[in-house]
């Protein structure tokens, strides 16, 4: 019981501190649109992680086929990031009150679905996330095979990991929400521009990696 629990905590910690576009997107979403939008985005990211864990464990042939097309996935992901970055950099509007502080945004159910899906696909289309779950799932399955109850071992490891990552993302939303109430429209415009540049940078870096190391992704 202790060993899989500790392994899940370590795995979750590694994933939660990994610097990538999703972390910046969570913070940006929370600051721009408020905590509800942040939580919705995080729910999409978490659902994506759960999907990948299930695929790795129960649909290995499908996952192997996805890995064989990792170059296409990487290009799709990079385009997604670059488009999101350009939108944030040049077209994202900041709503402000008369005191120049940000207005609390209200979203329709359809808009919340869009935020959820953006979190889901931003995480899903990141090839580093694919590789992370593929490598660690193979290692966990190997460890589980040496235990009396492999299914229980895997359940504890992956559940602990996913819960840890989800909680860490929720904390990011809370912290960003506290910062949001102190920001002015001018501050937010600067943060949007910085976030847009970061997303574009990740997208360009991803394409560069595909063009230079594409054979290693196949």
N, C-alpha and C. Protein backbone atom coordinates (compact mmCIF):
# COMPACT_ATOMS: atom_id res chain seq x y z
N UNK A 1 0.82 -1.20 0.00
CA UNK A 1 0.00 0.00 0.00
C UNK A 1 0.87 1.27 0.00
N UNK A 2 1.90 1.31 0.82
CA UNK A 2 2.75 2.49 0.94
C UNK A 2 3.56 2.72 -0.34
N UNK A 3 4.11 1.65 -0.90
CA UNK A 3 4.96 1.79 -2.08
C UNK A 3 4.23 2.39 -3.28
N UNK A 4 3.06 1.86 -3.68
CA UNK A 4 2.36 2.48 -4.82
C UNK A 4 1.88 3.89 -4.51
N UNK A 5 1.54 4.15 -3.24
CA UNK A 5 1.10 5.49 -2.86
C UNK A 5 2.24 6.50 -3.03
N UNK A 6 3.42 6.13 -2.54
CA UNK A 6 4.59 7.01 -2.67
C UNK A 6 4.97 7.20 -4.13
N UNK A 7 4.90 6.10 -4.90
CA UNK A 7 5.24 6.19 -6.32
C UNK A 7 4.27 7.11 -7.05
N UNK A 8 3.00 7.04 -6.70
CA UNK A 8 2.01 7.92 -7.31
C UNK A 8 2.24 9.38 -6.94
N UNK A 9 2.64 9.64 -5.69
CA UNK A 9 2.93 11.00 -5.26
C UNK A 9 4.13 11.58 -6.01
N UNK A 10 5.17 10.76 -6.14
CA UNK A 10 6.37 11.21 -6.86
C UNK A 10 6.04 11.49 -8.32
N UNK A 11 5.29 10.59 -8.93
CA UNK A 11 4.89 10.76 -10.33
C UNK A 11 4.05 12.02 -10.50
N UNK A 12 3.11 12.23 -9.59
CA UNK A 12 2.27 13.41 -9.65
C UNK A 12 3.06 14.69 -9.46
N UNK A 13 4.04 14.65 -8.55
CA UNK A 13 4.88 15.83 -8.32
C UNK A 13 5.68 16.18 -9.56
N UNK A 14 6.25 15.16 -10.21
CA UNK A 14 7.04 15.40 -11.43
C UNK A 14 6.17 16.04 -12.50
N UNK A 15 4.96 15.50 -12.68
CA UNK A 15 4.07 16.01 -13.72
C UNK A 15 3.57 17.42 -13.38
N UNK A 16 3.32 17.69 -12.12
CA UNK A 16 2.76 18.98 -11.73
C UNK A 16 3.76 20.13 -11.85
N UNK A 17 5.06 19.83 -11.73
CA UNK A 17 6.06 20.90 -11.82
C UNK A 17 6.72 20.98 -13.19
N UNK A 18 6.30 20.09 -14.10
CA UNK A 18 6.86 20.13 -15.45
C UNK A 18 6.45 21.44 -16.12
N UNK A 19 7.44 22.19 -16.59
CA UNK A 19 7.15 23.48 -17.22
C UNK A 19 6.71 23.24 -18.66
N UNK A 20 5.51 23.68 -18.96
CA UNK A 20 4.97 23.51 -20.30
C UNK A 20 3.87 24.52 -20.55
N UNK A 21 3.29 24.50 -21.74
CA UNK A 21 2.26 25.48 -22.09
C UNK A 21 1.01 25.37 -21.23
N UNK A 22 0.71 24.16 -20.73
CA UNK A 22 -0.52 23.98 -19.95
C UNK A 22 -0.48 24.79 -18.66
N UNK A 23 0.68 24.82 -17.99
CA UNK A 23 0.80 25.58 -16.74
C UNK A 23 0.50 27.06 -16.99
N UNK A 24 1.10 27.62 -18.03
CA UNK A 24 0.87 29.02 -18.34
C UNK A 24 -0.57 29.26 -18.77
N UNK A 25 -1.15 28.29 -19.47
CA UNK A 25 -2.53 28.43 -19.93
C UNK A 25 -3.50 28.42 -18.74
N UNK A 26 -3.22 27.59 -17.73
CA UNK A 26 -4.07 27.55 -16.53
C UNK A 26 -4.05 28.90 -15.83
N UNK A 27 -2.85 29.44 -15.65
CA UNK A 27 -2.70 30.73 -14.97
C UNK A 27 -3.37 31.84 -15.78
N UNK A 28 -3.12 31.84 -17.10
CA UNK A 28 -3.71 32.87 -17.96
C UNK A 28 -5.22 32.79 -17.96
N UNK A 29 -5.76 31.58 -18.06
CA UNK A 29 -7.21 31.40 -18.08
C UNK A 29 -7.84 31.90 -16.79
N UNK A 30 -7.19 31.62 -15.67
CA UNK A 30 -7.72 32.02 -14.36
C UNK A 30 -7.67 33.52 -14.18
N UNK A 31 -6.57 34.14 -14.60
CA UNK A 31 -6.43 35.58 -14.45
C UNK A 31 -7.35 36.32 -15.42
N UNK A 32 -7.43 35.84 -16.64
CA UNK A 32 -8.25 36.50 -17.65
C UNK A 32 -9.74 36.39 -17.36
N UNK A 33 -10.18 35.19 -17.05
CA UNK A 33 -11.61 34.89 -17.05
C UNK A 33 -12.19 34.51 -15.70
N UNK A 34 -11.36 34.46 -14.65
CA UNK A 34 -11.88 34.14 -13.33
C UNK A 34 -11.73 32.68 -12.96
N UNK A 35 -12.05 32.40 -11.68
CA UNK A 35 -11.78 31.05 -11.16
C UNK A 35 -12.66 29.97 -11.80
N UNK A 36 -13.91 30.30 -12.17
CA UNK A 36 -14.77 29.29 -12.78
C UNK A 36 -14.19 28.80 -14.10
N UNK A 37 -13.71 29.75 -14.90
CA UNK A 37 -13.09 29.37 -16.17
C UNK A 37 -11.82 28.58 -15.92
N UNK A 38 -11.05 28.99 -14.90
CA UNK A 38 -9.83 28.25 -14.55
C UNK A 38 -10.12 26.82 -14.14
N UNK A 39 -11.13 26.64 -13.30
CA UNK A 39 -11.50 25.29 -12.87
C UNK A 39 -11.98 24.45 -14.05
N UNK A 40 -12.72 25.09 -14.96
CA UNK A 40 -13.22 24.37 -16.14
C UNK A 40 -12.07 23.92 -17.03
N UNK A 41 -11.10 24.81 -17.22
CA UNK A 41 -9.92 24.48 -18.03
C UNK A 41 -9.15 23.32 -17.38
N UNK A 42 -8.96 23.39 -16.06
CA UNK A 42 -8.26 22.33 -15.33
C UNK A 42 -9.01 21.00 -15.46
N UNK A 43 -10.34 21.06 -15.43
CA UNK A 43 -11.14 19.84 -15.59
C UNK A 43 -10.86 19.20 -16.95
N UNK A 44 -10.70 20.03 -17.97
CA UNK A 44 -10.38 19.51 -19.30
C UNK A 44 -9.01 18.86 -19.33
N UNK A 45 -8.03 19.50 -18.68
CA UNK A 45 -6.67 18.93 -18.61
C UNK A 45 -6.69 17.61 -17.86
N UNK A 46 -7.41 17.56 -16.74
CA UNK A 46 -7.49 16.33 -15.94
C UNK A 46 -8.17 15.22 -16.72
N UNK A 47 -9.25 15.56 -17.44
CA UNK A 47 -9.94 14.55 -18.26
C UNK A 47 -9.01 14.00 -19.33
N UNK A 48 -8.16 14.86 -19.87
CA UNK A 48 -7.19 14.43 -20.88
C UNK A 48 -6.19 13.44 -20.28
N UNK A 49 -5.70 13.75 -19.08
CA UNK A 49 -4.76 12.84 -18.41
C UNK A 49 -5.41 11.48 -18.13
N UNK A 50 -6.65 11.52 -17.67
CA UNK A 50 -7.37 10.26 -17.39
C UNK A 50 -7.53 9.45 -18.68
N UNK A 51 -7.86 10.14 -19.77
CA UNK A 51 -8.00 9.46 -21.07
C UNK A 51 -6.70 8.77 -21.47
N UNK A 52 -5.59 9.48 -21.31
CA UNK A 52 -4.29 8.92 -21.69
C UNK A 52 -3.92 7.72 -20.81
N UNK A 53 -4.21 7.81 -19.53
CA UNK A 53 -3.93 6.69 -18.62
C UNK A 53 -4.74 5.46 -19.02
N UNK A 54 -6.01 5.66 -19.33
CA UNK A 54 -6.87 4.54 -19.74
C UNK A 54 -6.38 3.92 -21.05
N UNK A 55 -6.01 4.79 -21.99
CA UNK A 55 -5.51 4.29 -23.28
C UNK A 55 -4.23 3.50 -23.08
N UNK A 56 -3.33 4.03 -22.26
CA UNK A 56 -2.05 3.34 -22.02
C UNK A 56 -2.25 1.98 -21.40
N UNK A 57 -3.24 1.87 -20.50
CA UNK A 57 -3.44 0.63 -19.76
C UNK A 57 -4.33 -0.39 -20.47
N UNK A 58 -5.32 0.09 -21.21
CA UNK A 58 -6.31 -0.84 -21.74
C UNK A 58 -6.43 -0.85 -23.26
N UNK A 59 -5.82 0.14 -23.92
CA UNK A 59 -5.89 0.18 -25.38
C UNK A 59 -4.48 0.39 -25.93
N UNK A 60 -3.60 -0.51 -25.57
CA UNK A 60 -2.19 -0.35 -25.92
C UNK A 60 -1.96 -0.30 -27.42
N UNK A 61 -2.74 -1.05 -28.19
CA UNK A 61 -2.56 -1.03 -29.64
C UNK A 61 -2.91 0.35 -30.21
N UNK A 62 -3.98 0.96 -29.66
CA UNK A 62 -4.36 2.29 -30.10
C UNK A 62 -3.28 3.30 -29.74
N UNK A 63 -2.75 3.17 -28.53
CA UNK A 63 -1.72 4.10 -28.09
C UNK A 63 -0.45 3.93 -28.92
N UNK A 64 -0.12 2.68 -29.23
CA UNK A 64 1.06 2.43 -30.07
C UNK A 64 0.88 3.07 -31.45
N UNK A 65 -0.35 3.00 -31.98
CA UNK A 65 -0.62 3.63 -33.27
C UNK A 65 -0.50 5.15 -33.17
N UNK A 66 -0.95 5.70 -32.04
CA UNK A 66 -0.84 7.15 -31.82
C UNK A 66 0.62 7.57 -31.74
N UNK A 67 1.42 6.78 -31.03
CA UNK A 67 2.84 7.08 -30.90
C UNK A 67 3.53 7.06 -32.28
N UNK A 68 3.09 6.13 -33.13
CA UNK A 68 3.69 6.03 -34.46
C UNK A 68 3.36 7.26 -35.32
N UNK A 69 2.33 8.00 -34.91
CA UNK A 69 1.97 9.23 -35.62
C UNK A 69 2.27 10.46 -34.76
N UNK A 70 3.26 10.32 -33.89
CA UNK A 70 3.57 11.40 -32.95
C UNK A 70 4.04 12.67 -33.66
N UNK A 71 4.66 12.52 -34.84
CA UNK A 71 5.10 13.71 -35.57
C UNK A 71 3.89 14.55 -35.99
N UNK A 72 2.87 13.89 -36.52
CA UNK A 72 1.64 14.60 -36.91
C UNK A 72 0.97 15.22 -35.69
N UNK A 73 0.98 14.50 -34.58
CA UNK A 73 0.39 15.02 -33.34
C UNK A 73 1.17 16.25 -32.88
N UNK A 74 2.49 16.17 -32.96
CA UNK A 74 3.33 17.29 -32.53
C UNK A 74 3.07 18.53 -33.39
N UNK A 75 2.95 18.33 -34.70
CA UNK A 75 2.68 19.46 -35.60
C UNK A 75 1.31 20.06 -35.31
N UNK A 76 0.30 19.19 -35.09
CA UNK A 76 -1.04 19.68 -34.76
C UNK A 76 -1.02 20.46 -33.46
N UNK A 77 -0.30 19.93 -32.47
CA UNK A 77 -0.20 20.60 -31.19
C UNK A 77 0.49 21.95 -31.29
N UNK A 78 1.56 22.00 -32.08
CA UNK A 78 2.30 23.26 -32.23
C UNK A 78 1.44 24.31 -32.93
N UNK A 79 0.69 23.90 -33.94
CA UNK A 79 -0.21 24.83 -34.63
C UNK A 79 -1.27 25.35 -33.67
N UNK A 80 -1.80 24.45 -32.85
CA UNK A 80 -2.80 24.83 -31.85
C UNK A 80 -2.24 25.88 -30.90
N UNK A 81 -1.02 25.68 -30.43
CA UNK A 81 -0.40 26.62 -29.50
C UNK A 81 -0.12 27.96 -30.17
N UNK A 82 0.38 27.94 -31.40
CA UNK A 82 0.70 29.18 -32.10
C UNK A 82 -0.57 29.99 -32.37
N UNK A 83 -1.63 29.33 -32.80
CA UNK A 83 -2.90 30.03 -33.04
C UNK A 83 -3.43 30.63 -31.75
N UNK A 84 -3.40 29.84 -30.66
CA UNK A 84 -3.85 30.35 -29.36
C UNK A 84 -2.99 31.52 -28.91
N UNK A 85 -1.70 31.44 -29.17
CA UNK A 85 -0.79 32.51 -28.79
C UNK A 85 -1.06 33.79 -29.56
N UNK A 86 -1.27 33.68 -30.87
CA UNK A 86 -1.56 34.87 -31.68
C UNK A 86 -2.90 35.50 -31.28
N UNK A 87 -3.88 34.64 -30.97
CA UNK A 87 -5.17 35.18 -30.54
C UNK A 87 -5.02 35.95 -29.23
N UNK A 88 -4.29 35.37 -28.29
CA UNK A 88 -4.08 36.03 -27.00
C UNK A 88 -3.28 37.32 -27.15
N UNK A 89 -2.29 37.28 -28.03
CA UNK A 89 -1.39 38.42 -28.20
C UNK A 89 -2.06 39.60 -28.89
N UNK A 90 -2.86 39.32 -29.93
CA UNK A 90 -3.37 40.40 -30.77
C UNK A 90 -4.88 40.65 -30.67
N UNK A 91 -5.65 39.66 -30.26
CA UNK A 91 -7.11 39.81 -30.34
C UNK A 91 -7.84 39.71 -29.00
N UNK A 92 -7.16 39.26 -27.96
CA UNK A 92 -7.81 39.10 -26.66
C UNK A 92 -8.17 40.46 -26.07
N UNK A 93 -9.46 40.66 -25.77
CA UNK A 93 -9.92 41.92 -25.22
C UNK A 93 -9.95 41.86 -23.69
N UNK A 94 -9.70 43.00 -23.07
CA UNK A 94 -9.73 43.10 -21.61
C UNK A 94 -10.89 43.98 -21.21
N UNK A 95 -11.83 43.42 -20.43
CA UNK A 95 -12.96 44.19 -19.94
C UNK A 95 -12.62 44.82 -18.61
N UNK A 96 -12.88 46.13 -18.49
CA UNK A 96 -12.53 46.84 -17.26
C UNK A 96 -13.68 47.72 -16.80
N UNK A 97 -13.73 47.93 -15.49
CA UNK A 97 -14.72 48.82 -14.91
C UNK A 97 -14.21 50.26 -14.99
N UNK A 98 -14.99 51.19 -14.46
CA UNK A 98 -14.58 52.59 -14.48
C UNK A 98 -13.33 52.85 -13.66
N UNK A 99 -13.11 52.00 -12.64
CA UNK A 99 -11.91 52.17 -11.81
C UNK A 99 -10.70 51.46 -12.41
N UNK A 100 -10.89 50.97 -13.67
CA UNK A 100 -9.83 50.31 -14.44
C UNK A 100 -9.47 48.92 -13.92
N UNK A 101 -10.22 48.42 -12.95
CA UNK A 101 -10.03 47.03 -12.53
C UNK A 101 -10.84 46.12 -13.45
N UNK A 102 -10.50 44.85 -13.45
CA UNK A 102 -11.13 43.93 -14.39
C UNK A 102 -12.56 43.59 -13.97
N UNK A 103 -13.42 43.43 -14.95
CA UNK A 103 -14.78 42.99 -14.69
C UNK A 103 -14.82 41.48 -14.55
N UNK A 104 -15.76 41.01 -13.74
CA UNK A 104 -15.96 39.56 -13.60
C UNK A 104 -16.75 39.06 -14.80
N UNK A 105 -16.20 38.14 -15.52
CA UNK A 105 -16.84 37.67 -16.74
C UNK A 105 -17.88 36.60 -16.44
N UNK A 106 -18.94 36.58 -17.25
CA UNK A 106 -19.97 35.57 -17.14
C UNK A 106 -20.00 34.79 -18.45
N UNK A 107 -20.00 33.48 -18.33
CA UNK A 107 -19.93 32.63 -19.52
C UNK A 107 -21.20 31.79 -19.64
N UNK A 108 -21.55 31.49 -20.88
CA UNK A 108 -22.65 30.57 -21.14
C UNK A 108 -22.14 29.14 -21.02
N UNK A 109 -23.07 28.19 -20.98
CA UNK A 109 -22.67 26.78 -20.91
C UNK A 109 -21.84 26.39 -22.12
N UNK A 110 -22.21 26.93 -23.28
CA UNK A 110 -21.47 26.63 -24.50
C UNK A 110 -20.04 27.12 -24.40
N UNK A 111 -19.84 28.30 -23.81
CA UNK A 111 -18.50 28.86 -23.66
C UNK A 111 -17.67 28.04 -22.67
N UNK A 112 -18.33 27.55 -21.61
CA UNK A 112 -17.62 26.70 -20.65
C UNK A 112 -17.18 25.39 -21.30
N UNK A 113 -18.03 24.85 -22.18
CA UNK A 113 -17.66 23.64 -22.92
C UNK A 113 -16.43 23.90 -23.78
N UNK A 114 -16.39 25.08 -24.41
CA UNK A 114 -15.23 25.45 -25.22
C UNK A 114 -13.96 25.56 -24.40
N UNK A 115 -14.07 26.14 -23.19
CA UNK A 115 -12.91 26.25 -22.30
C UNK A 115 -12.44 24.86 -21.87
N UNK A 116 -13.40 23.98 -21.53
CA UNK A 116 -13.07 22.60 -21.16
C UNK A 116 -12.32 21.90 -22.29
N UNK A 117 -12.84 22.02 -23.51
CA UNK A 117 -12.22 21.34 -24.65
C UNK A 117 -10.84 21.92 -24.98
N UNK A 118 -10.66 23.23 -24.77
CA UNK A 118 -9.35 23.81 -25.03
C UNK A 118 -8.31 23.24 -24.07
N UNK A 119 -8.69 23.03 -22.80
CA UNK A 119 -7.79 22.40 -21.84
C UNK A 119 -7.52 20.95 -22.20
N UNK A 120 -8.56 20.26 -22.64
CA UNK A 120 -8.44 18.84 -22.99
C UNK A 120 -7.47 18.65 -24.16
N UNK A 121 -7.66 19.42 -25.22
CA UNK A 121 -6.86 19.21 -26.42
C UNK A 121 -5.47 19.83 -26.31
N UNK A 122 -5.32 20.90 -25.54
CA UNK A 122 -3.98 21.46 -25.36
C UNK A 122 -3.08 20.44 -24.67
N UNK A 123 -3.64 19.70 -23.72
CA UNK A 123 -2.87 18.67 -23.02
C UNK A 123 -2.71 17.43 -23.90
N UNK A 124 -3.78 17.04 -24.57
CA UNK A 124 -3.77 15.83 -25.38
C UNK A 124 -2.83 15.93 -26.57
N UNK A 125 -2.73 17.12 -27.16
CA UNK A 125 -1.90 17.30 -28.36
C UNK A 125 -0.44 17.60 -28.04
N UNK A 126 -0.09 17.55 -26.78
CA UNK A 126 1.30 17.78 -26.38
C UNK A 126 2.05 16.45 -26.41
N UNK A 127 2.97 16.26 -27.36
CA UNK A 127 3.65 14.96 -27.47
C UNK A 127 4.47 14.60 -26.23
N UNK A 128 4.94 15.59 -25.49
CA UNK A 128 5.70 15.28 -24.28
C UNK A 128 4.82 14.62 -23.24
N UNK A 129 3.52 14.98 -23.22
CA UNK A 129 2.58 14.33 -22.30
C UNK A 129 2.35 12.89 -22.73
N UNK A 130 2.23 12.67 -24.04
CA UNK A 130 2.10 11.31 -24.57
C UNK A 130 3.28 10.44 -24.12
N UNK A 131 4.48 10.96 -24.34
CA UNK A 131 5.69 10.20 -24.02
C UNK A 131 5.79 9.96 -22.52
N UNK A 132 5.42 10.98 -21.72
CA UNK A 132 5.45 10.86 -20.27
C UNK A 132 4.59 9.68 -19.81
N UNK A 133 3.34 9.67 -20.25
CA UNK A 133 2.43 8.61 -19.80
C UNK A 133 2.82 7.25 -20.38
N UNK A 134 3.31 7.22 -21.60
CA UNK A 134 3.72 5.96 -22.20
C UNK A 134 4.88 5.34 -21.42
N UNK A 135 5.89 6.15 -21.13
CA UNK A 135 7.08 5.65 -20.42
C UNK A 135 6.74 5.21 -19.01
N UNK A 136 6.00 6.04 -18.29
CA UNK A 136 5.71 5.71 -16.90
C UNK A 136 4.70 4.58 -16.76
N UNK A 137 3.76 4.50 -17.69
CA UNK A 137 2.80 3.40 -17.63
C UNK A 137 3.51 2.06 -17.84
N UNK A 138 4.44 2.03 -18.79
CA UNK A 138 5.21 0.79 -19.01
C UNK A 138 5.98 0.40 -17.76
N UNK A 139 6.56 1.41 -17.08
CA UNK A 139 7.33 1.13 -15.87
C UNK A 139 6.42 0.65 -14.74
N UNK A 140 5.27 1.29 -14.58
CA UNK A 140 4.33 0.92 -13.52
C UNK A 140 3.77 -0.48 -13.75
N UNK A 141 3.43 -0.78 -15.00
CA UNK A 141 2.91 -2.11 -15.32
C UNK A 141 3.96 -3.18 -15.00
N UNK A 142 5.23 -2.87 -15.31
CA UNK A 142 6.31 -3.80 -14.99
C UNK A 142 6.44 -4.02 -13.49
N UNK A 143 6.36 -2.94 -12.71
CA UNK A 143 6.42 -3.07 -11.26
C UNK A 143 5.23 -3.83 -10.71
N UNK A 144 4.04 -3.53 -11.26
CA UNK A 144 2.82 -4.17 -10.77
C UNK A 144 2.84 -5.68 -10.99
N UNK A 145 3.49 -6.10 -12.07
CA UNK A 145 3.53 -7.54 -12.39
C UNK A 145 4.25 -8.35 -11.31
N UNK A 146 5.09 -7.68 -10.52
CA UNK A 146 5.84 -8.38 -9.46
C UNK A 146 5.12 -8.38 -8.13
N UNK A 147 3.93 -7.80 -8.07
CA UNK A 147 3.17 -7.71 -6.82
C UNK A 147 2.05 -8.74 -6.79
N UNK A 148 1.51 -9.06 -5.59
CA UNK A 148 0.42 -10.04 -5.49
C UNK A 148 -0.86 -9.58 -6.17
N UNK A 149 -1.09 -8.27 -6.21
CA UNK A 149 -2.32 -7.75 -6.80
C UNK A 149 -1.98 -6.61 -7.77
N UNK A 150 -1.61 -6.94 -9.01
CA UNK A 150 -1.20 -5.92 -9.98
C UNK A 150 -2.25 -4.85 -10.25
N UNK A 151 -3.51 -5.25 -10.35
CA UNK A 151 -4.58 -4.30 -10.67
C UNK A 151 -4.72 -3.25 -9.56
N UNK A 152 -4.66 -3.70 -8.32
CA UNK A 152 -4.77 -2.80 -7.18
C UNK A 152 -3.57 -1.85 -7.12
N UNK A 153 -2.38 -2.39 -7.41
CA UNK A 153 -1.15 -1.59 -7.41
C UNK A 153 -1.26 -0.45 -8.42
N UNK A 154 -1.67 -0.78 -9.66
CA UNK A 154 -1.79 0.24 -10.70
C UNK A 154 -2.86 1.26 -10.35
N UNK A 155 -3.98 0.80 -9.78
CA UNK A 155 -5.06 1.70 -9.42
C UNK A 155 -4.59 2.74 -8.40
N UNK A 156 -3.83 2.30 -7.39
CA UNK A 156 -3.35 3.22 -6.36
C UNK A 156 -2.36 4.22 -6.95
N UNK A 157 -1.41 3.73 -7.76
CA UNK A 157 -0.40 4.62 -8.34
C UNK A 157 -1.04 5.70 -9.21
N UNK A 158 -1.87 5.29 -10.16
CA UNK A 158 -2.41 6.25 -11.10
C UNK A 158 -3.45 7.17 -10.46
N UNK A 159 -4.26 6.63 -9.54
CA UNK A 159 -5.24 7.48 -8.86
C UNK A 159 -4.54 8.54 -8.02
N UNK A 160 -3.51 8.12 -7.28
CA UNK A 160 -2.76 9.07 -6.45
C UNK A 160 -2.12 10.15 -7.31
N UNK A 161 -1.52 9.73 -8.41
CA UNK A 161 -0.86 10.68 -9.32
C UNK A 161 -1.86 11.68 -9.88
N UNK A 162 -2.97 11.20 -10.40
CA UNK A 162 -3.95 12.07 -11.04
C UNK A 162 -4.59 13.03 -10.04
N UNK A 163 -4.87 12.55 -8.83
CA UNK A 163 -5.46 13.40 -7.80
C UNK A 163 -4.46 14.48 -7.38
N UNK A 164 -3.18 14.10 -7.24
CA UNK A 164 -2.15 15.07 -6.86
C UNK A 164 -2.03 16.17 -7.91
N UNK A 165 -1.99 15.78 -9.18
CA UNK A 165 -1.87 16.76 -10.26
C UNK A 165 -3.09 17.67 -10.31
N UNK A 166 -4.28 17.09 -10.14
CA UNK A 166 -5.50 17.88 -10.15
C UNK A 166 -5.50 18.91 -9.02
N UNK A 167 -5.13 18.48 -7.82
CA UNK A 167 -5.09 19.40 -6.68
C UNK A 167 -4.08 20.51 -6.89
N UNK A 168 -2.92 20.17 -7.45
CA UNK A 168 -1.90 21.19 -7.70
C UNK A 168 -2.39 22.20 -8.73
N UNK A 169 -3.14 21.74 -9.74
CA UNK A 169 -3.68 22.66 -10.74
C UNK A 169 -4.76 23.56 -10.13
N UNK A 170 -5.56 23.00 -9.22
CA UNK A 170 -6.59 23.79 -8.55
C UNK A 170 -5.96 24.88 -7.68
N UNK A 171 -4.83 24.54 -7.06
CA UNK A 171 -4.11 25.54 -6.26
C UNK A 171 -3.61 26.67 -7.14
N UNK A 172 -3.14 26.33 -8.33
CA UNK A 172 -2.70 27.37 -9.28
C UNK A 172 -3.85 28.31 -9.62
N UNK A 173 -5.04 27.75 -9.79
CA UNK A 173 -6.21 28.58 -10.10
C UNK A 173 -6.52 29.50 -8.93
N UNK A 174 -6.47 28.97 -7.71
CA UNK A 174 -6.75 29.77 -6.52
C UNK A 174 -5.76 30.93 -6.38
N UNK A 175 -4.49 30.62 -6.56
CA UNK A 175 -3.47 31.66 -6.43
C UNK A 175 -3.62 32.72 -7.52
N UNK A 176 -3.91 32.26 -8.74
CA UNK A 176 -4.12 33.21 -9.83
C UNK A 176 -5.36 34.07 -9.57
N UNK A 177 -6.40 33.46 -8.97
CA UNK A 177 -7.62 34.19 -8.66
C UNK A 177 -7.38 35.30 -7.64
N UNK A 178 -6.53 35.04 -6.65
CA UNK A 178 -6.20 36.07 -5.66
C UNK A 178 -5.44 37.22 -6.31
N UNK A 179 -4.59 36.88 -7.27
CA UNK A 179 -3.85 37.92 -7.98
C UNK A 179 -4.76 38.74 -8.88
N UNK A 180 -5.77 38.09 -9.44
CA UNK A 180 -6.66 38.73 -10.40
C UNK A 180 -7.34 39.96 -9.82
N UNK A 181 -7.78 39.88 -8.56
CA UNK A 181 -8.53 40.98 -7.95
C UNK A 181 -7.68 42.24 -7.78
N UNK A 182 -6.36 42.10 -7.89
CA UNK A 182 -5.46 43.24 -7.70
C UNK A 182 -4.92 43.79 -9.01
N UNK A 183 -5.30 43.17 -10.11
CA UNK A 183 -4.77 43.58 -11.41
C UNK A 183 -5.66 44.62 -12.07
N UNK A 184 -5.06 45.51 -12.80
CA UNK A 184 -5.79 46.47 -13.62
C UNK A 184 -5.84 45.96 -15.06
N UNK A 185 -6.63 46.62 -15.87
CA UNK A 185 -6.73 46.23 -17.28
C UNK A 185 -5.37 46.33 -17.98
N UNK A 186 -4.59 47.36 -17.61
CA UNK A 186 -3.26 47.52 -18.20
C UNK A 186 -2.33 46.38 -17.83
N UNK A 187 -2.39 45.96 -16.55
CA UNK A 187 -1.57 44.83 -16.11
C UNK A 187 -1.96 43.57 -16.87
N UNK A 188 -3.27 43.37 -17.02
CA UNK A 188 -3.74 42.16 -17.68
C UNK A 188 -3.35 42.14 -19.16
N UNK A 189 -3.38 43.31 -19.78
CA UNK A 189 -2.97 43.38 -21.19
C UNK A 189 -1.53 42.92 -21.34
N UNK A 190 -0.66 43.37 -20.40
CA UNK A 190 0.74 42.95 -20.45
C UNK A 190 0.86 41.44 -20.23
N UNK A 191 0.10 40.90 -19.27
CA UNK A 191 0.13 39.46 -19.00
C UNK A 191 -0.35 38.68 -20.21
N UNK A 192 -1.39 39.17 -20.88
CA UNK A 192 -1.88 38.51 -22.09
C UNK A 192 -0.81 38.48 -23.17
N UNK A 193 -0.13 39.62 -23.36
CA UNK A 193 0.92 39.68 -24.37
C UNK A 193 2.05 38.72 -24.04
N UNK A 194 2.43 38.67 -22.76
CA UNK A 194 3.49 37.75 -22.34
C UNK A 194 3.05 36.30 -22.53
N UNK A 195 1.80 36.00 -22.14
CA UNK A 195 1.28 34.63 -22.29
C UNK A 195 1.22 34.23 -23.76
N UNK A 196 0.80 35.18 -24.61
CA UNK A 196 0.75 34.90 -26.05
C UNK A 196 2.12 34.57 -26.61
N UNK A 197 3.12 35.36 -26.20
CA UNK A 197 4.49 35.10 -26.66
C UNK A 197 4.99 33.75 -26.17
N UNK A 198 4.64 33.39 -24.92
CA UNK A 198 5.06 32.10 -24.36
C UNK A 198 4.44 30.95 -25.15
N UNK A 199 3.14 31.05 -25.45
CA UNK A 199 2.47 29.99 -26.21
C UNK A 199 3.06 29.87 -27.61
N UNK A 200 3.29 31.02 -28.25
CA UNK A 200 3.91 31.00 -29.59
C UNK A 200 5.30 30.39 -29.50
N UNK A 201 6.05 30.75 -28.46
CA UNK A 201 7.40 30.21 -28.28
C UNK A 201 7.39 28.69 -28.13
N UNK A 202 6.46 28.17 -27.33
CA UNK A 202 6.34 26.72 -27.18
C UNK A 202 5.98 26.07 -28.51
N UNK A 203 5.06 26.69 -29.25
CA UNK A 203 4.65 26.12 -30.53
C UNK A 203 5.79 26.09 -31.53
N UNK A 204 6.53 27.19 -31.62
CA UNK A 204 7.68 27.25 -32.53
C UNK A 204 8.75 26.25 -32.12
N UNK A 205 9.01 26.15 -30.81
CA UNK A 205 10.01 25.19 -30.32
C UNK A 205 9.60 23.76 -30.64
N UNK A 206 8.29 23.50 -30.57
CA UNK A 206 7.79 22.16 -30.87
C UNK A 206 7.98 21.83 -32.34
N UNK A 207 7.67 22.78 -33.22
CA UNK A 207 7.88 22.56 -34.65
C UNK A 207 9.37 22.37 -34.96
N UNK A 208 10.20 23.20 -34.34
CA UNK A 208 11.65 23.07 -34.54
C UNK A 208 12.13 21.69 -34.12
N UNK A 209 11.61 21.21 -32.99
CA UNK A 209 11.99 19.87 -32.53
C UNK A 209 11.55 18.79 -33.50
N UNK A 210 10.36 18.95 -34.07
CA UNK A 210 9.85 17.96 -35.03
C UNK A 210 10.72 17.95 -36.29
N UNK A 211 11.07 19.15 -36.78
CA UNK A 211 11.86 19.24 -38.00
C UNK A 211 13.28 18.70 -37.81
N UNK A 212 13.83 18.86 -36.61
CA UNK A 212 15.21 18.45 -36.36
C UNK A 212 15.35 17.07 -35.75
N UNK A 213 14.30 16.62 -35.02
CA UNK A 213 14.38 15.32 -34.34
C UNK A 213 13.17 14.47 -34.64
N UNK A 214 12.53 14.75 -35.78
CA UNK A 214 11.30 14.04 -36.12
C UNK A 214 11.45 12.54 -36.15
N UNK A 215 12.58 12.05 -36.60
CA UNK A 215 12.79 10.61 -36.69
C UNK A 215 12.76 9.95 -35.32
N UNK A 216 13.15 10.70 -34.28
CA UNK A 216 13.19 10.14 -32.94
C UNK A 216 11.79 10.06 -32.33
N UNK A 217 10.83 10.82 -32.90
CA UNK A 217 9.46 10.79 -32.39
C UNK A 217 8.68 9.62 -32.97
N UNK A 218 9.13 9.05 -34.06
CA UNK A 218 8.39 7.99 -34.73
C UNK A 218 8.58 6.66 -34.03
